[in-house]
Amino acid sequence: AEEYRNIRGTTTKEDDKILEQEGVPVIKIPLVKKSDEDMN
């Protein structure tokens, strides 16, 4: 039996293509950098 689990990390466009070919769903979530002012 297959077990589904979430995997976090970064991928390249090539990685995305390989994962798609293997039937692994990929969701891209952009990371937003906070400015130095927001850190204080």
N, C-alpha and C. Protein backbone atom coordinates (compact mmCIF):
# COMPACT_ATOMS: atom_id res chain seq x y z
N ALA A 1 0.84 -1.18 0.00
CA ALA A 1 0.00 0.00 0.00
C ALA A 1 0.88 1.24 0.00
N GLU A 2 0.47 2.23 -0.79
CA GLU A 2 1.22 3.47 -0.84
C GLU A 2 0.78 4.39 0.28
N GLU A 3 1.74 5.07 0.87
CA GLU A 3 1.44 6.04 1.92
C GLU A 3 1.74 7.43 1.38
N TYR A 4 0.75 8.33 1.47
CA TYR A 4 0.95 9.69 1.01
C TYR A 4 1.53 10.52 2.14
N ARG A 5 2.49 11.40 1.79
CA ARG A 5 3.06 12.29 2.79
C ARG A 5 3.50 13.57 2.10
N ASN A 6 3.54 14.64 2.85
CA ASN A 6 3.99 15.92 2.33
C ASN A 6 5.51 15.98 2.37
N ILE A 7 6.08 16.53 1.32
CA ILE A 7 7.52 16.70 1.24
C ILE A 7 7.78 18.18 1.00
N ARG A 8 8.62 18.78 1.82
CA ARG A 8 8.95 20.20 1.66
C ARG A 8 10.37 20.32 1.12
N GLY A 9 10.58 21.36 0.33
CA GLY A 9 11.91 21.60 -0.18
C GLY A 9 11.87 22.47 -1.42
N THR A 10 12.99 22.58 -2.06
CA THR A 10 13.06 23.36 -3.29
C THR A 10 13.35 22.42 -4.46
N THR A 11 12.85 22.80 -5.63
CA THR A 11 13.07 22.00 -6.83
C THR A 11 13.45 22.91 -7.98
N THR A 12 14.14 22.34 -8.93
CA THR A 12 14.44 23.04 -10.18
C THR A 12 13.32 22.73 -11.17
N LYS A 13 13.32 23.41 -12.29
CA LYS A 13 12.32 23.12 -13.33
C LYS A 13 12.46 21.68 -13.81
N GLU A 14 13.70 21.21 -13.89
CA GLU A 14 13.95 19.83 -14.32
C GLU A 14 13.39 18.85 -13.29
N ASP A 15 13.60 19.14 -12.00
CA ASP A 15 13.03 18.29 -10.94
C ASP A 15 11.51 18.23 -11.07
N ASP A 16 10.88 19.39 -11.34
CA ASP A 16 9.42 19.44 -11.48
C ASP A 16 8.96 18.53 -12.62
N LYS A 17 9.68 18.55 -13.74
CA LYS A 17 9.31 17.71 -14.89
C LYS A 17 9.40 16.23 -14.52
N ILE A 18 10.47 15.86 -13.83
CA ILE A 18 10.66 14.46 -13.44
C ILE A 18 9.56 14.02 -12.48
N LEU A 19 9.27 14.85 -11.49
CA LEU A 19 8.22 14.51 -10.52
C LEU A 19 6.87 14.37 -11.22
N GLU A 20 6.58 15.27 -12.17
CA GLU A 20 5.33 15.20 -12.91
C GLU A 20 5.24 13.89 -13.71
N GLN A 21 6.35 13.50 -14.35
CA GLN A 21 6.38 12.25 -15.12
C GLN A 21 6.14 11.04 -14.22
N GLU A 22 6.58 11.13 -12.96
CA GLU A 22 6.41 10.03 -12.02
C GLU A 22 5.06 10.07 -11.31
N GLY A 23 4.24 11.09 -11.64
CA GLY A 23 2.91 11.18 -11.05
C GLY A 23 2.87 11.81 -9.67
N VAL A 24 3.92 12.55 -9.33
CA VAL A 24 3.98 13.20 -8.02
C VAL A 24 3.45 14.62 -8.18
N PRO A 25 2.36 14.97 -7.46
CA PRO A 25 1.84 16.33 -7.57
C PRO A 25 2.78 17.33 -6.91
N VAL A 26 2.99 18.47 -7.57
CA VAL A 26 3.89 19.51 -7.06
C VAL A 26 3.13 20.82 -7.01
N ILE A 27 3.23 21.51 -5.89
CA ILE A 27 2.63 22.84 -5.74
C ILE A 27 3.76 23.81 -5.42
N LYS A 28 3.89 24.84 -6.23
CA LYS A 28 4.92 25.86 -6.00
C LYS A 28 4.33 26.99 -5.16
N ILE A 29 4.99 27.31 -4.05
CA ILE A 29 4.56 28.41 -3.19
C ILE A 29 5.73 29.39 -3.11
N PRO A 30 5.54 30.61 -3.60
CA PRO A 30 6.64 31.57 -3.57
C PRO A 30 6.93 32.03 -2.15
N LEU A 31 8.21 32.19 -1.84
CA LEU A 31 8.61 32.71 -0.54
C LEU A 31 8.83 34.20 -0.67
N VAL A 32 8.30 34.95 0.28
CA VAL A 32 8.43 36.40 0.25
C VAL A 32 9.43 36.81 1.32
N LYS A 33 10.47 37.50 0.89
CA LYS A 33 11.47 37.99 1.85
C LYS A 33 10.92 39.22 2.55
N LYS A 34 11.11 39.27 3.86
CA LYS A 34 10.72 40.45 4.62
C LYS A 34 11.86 41.46 4.57
N SER A 35 11.50 42.73 4.55
CA SER A 35 12.53 43.76 4.58
C SER A 35 13.11 43.86 5.98
N ASP A 36 14.25 44.50 6.11
CA ASP A 36 14.88 44.66 7.42
C ASP A 36 13.98 45.40 8.39
N GLU A 37 13.17 46.34 7.89
CA GLU A 37 12.27 47.10 8.76
C GLU A 37 11.22 46.20 9.39
N ASP A 38 10.75 45.21 8.65
CA ASP A 38 9.74 44.29 9.17
C ASP A 38 10.29 43.38 10.25
N MET A 39 11.60 43.21 10.28
CA MET A 39 12.22 42.30 11.24
C MET A 39 12.32 42.91 12.64
N ASN A 40 12.20 44.21 12.75
CA ASN A 40 12.34 44.89 14.06
C ASN A 40 11.02 45.00 14.76
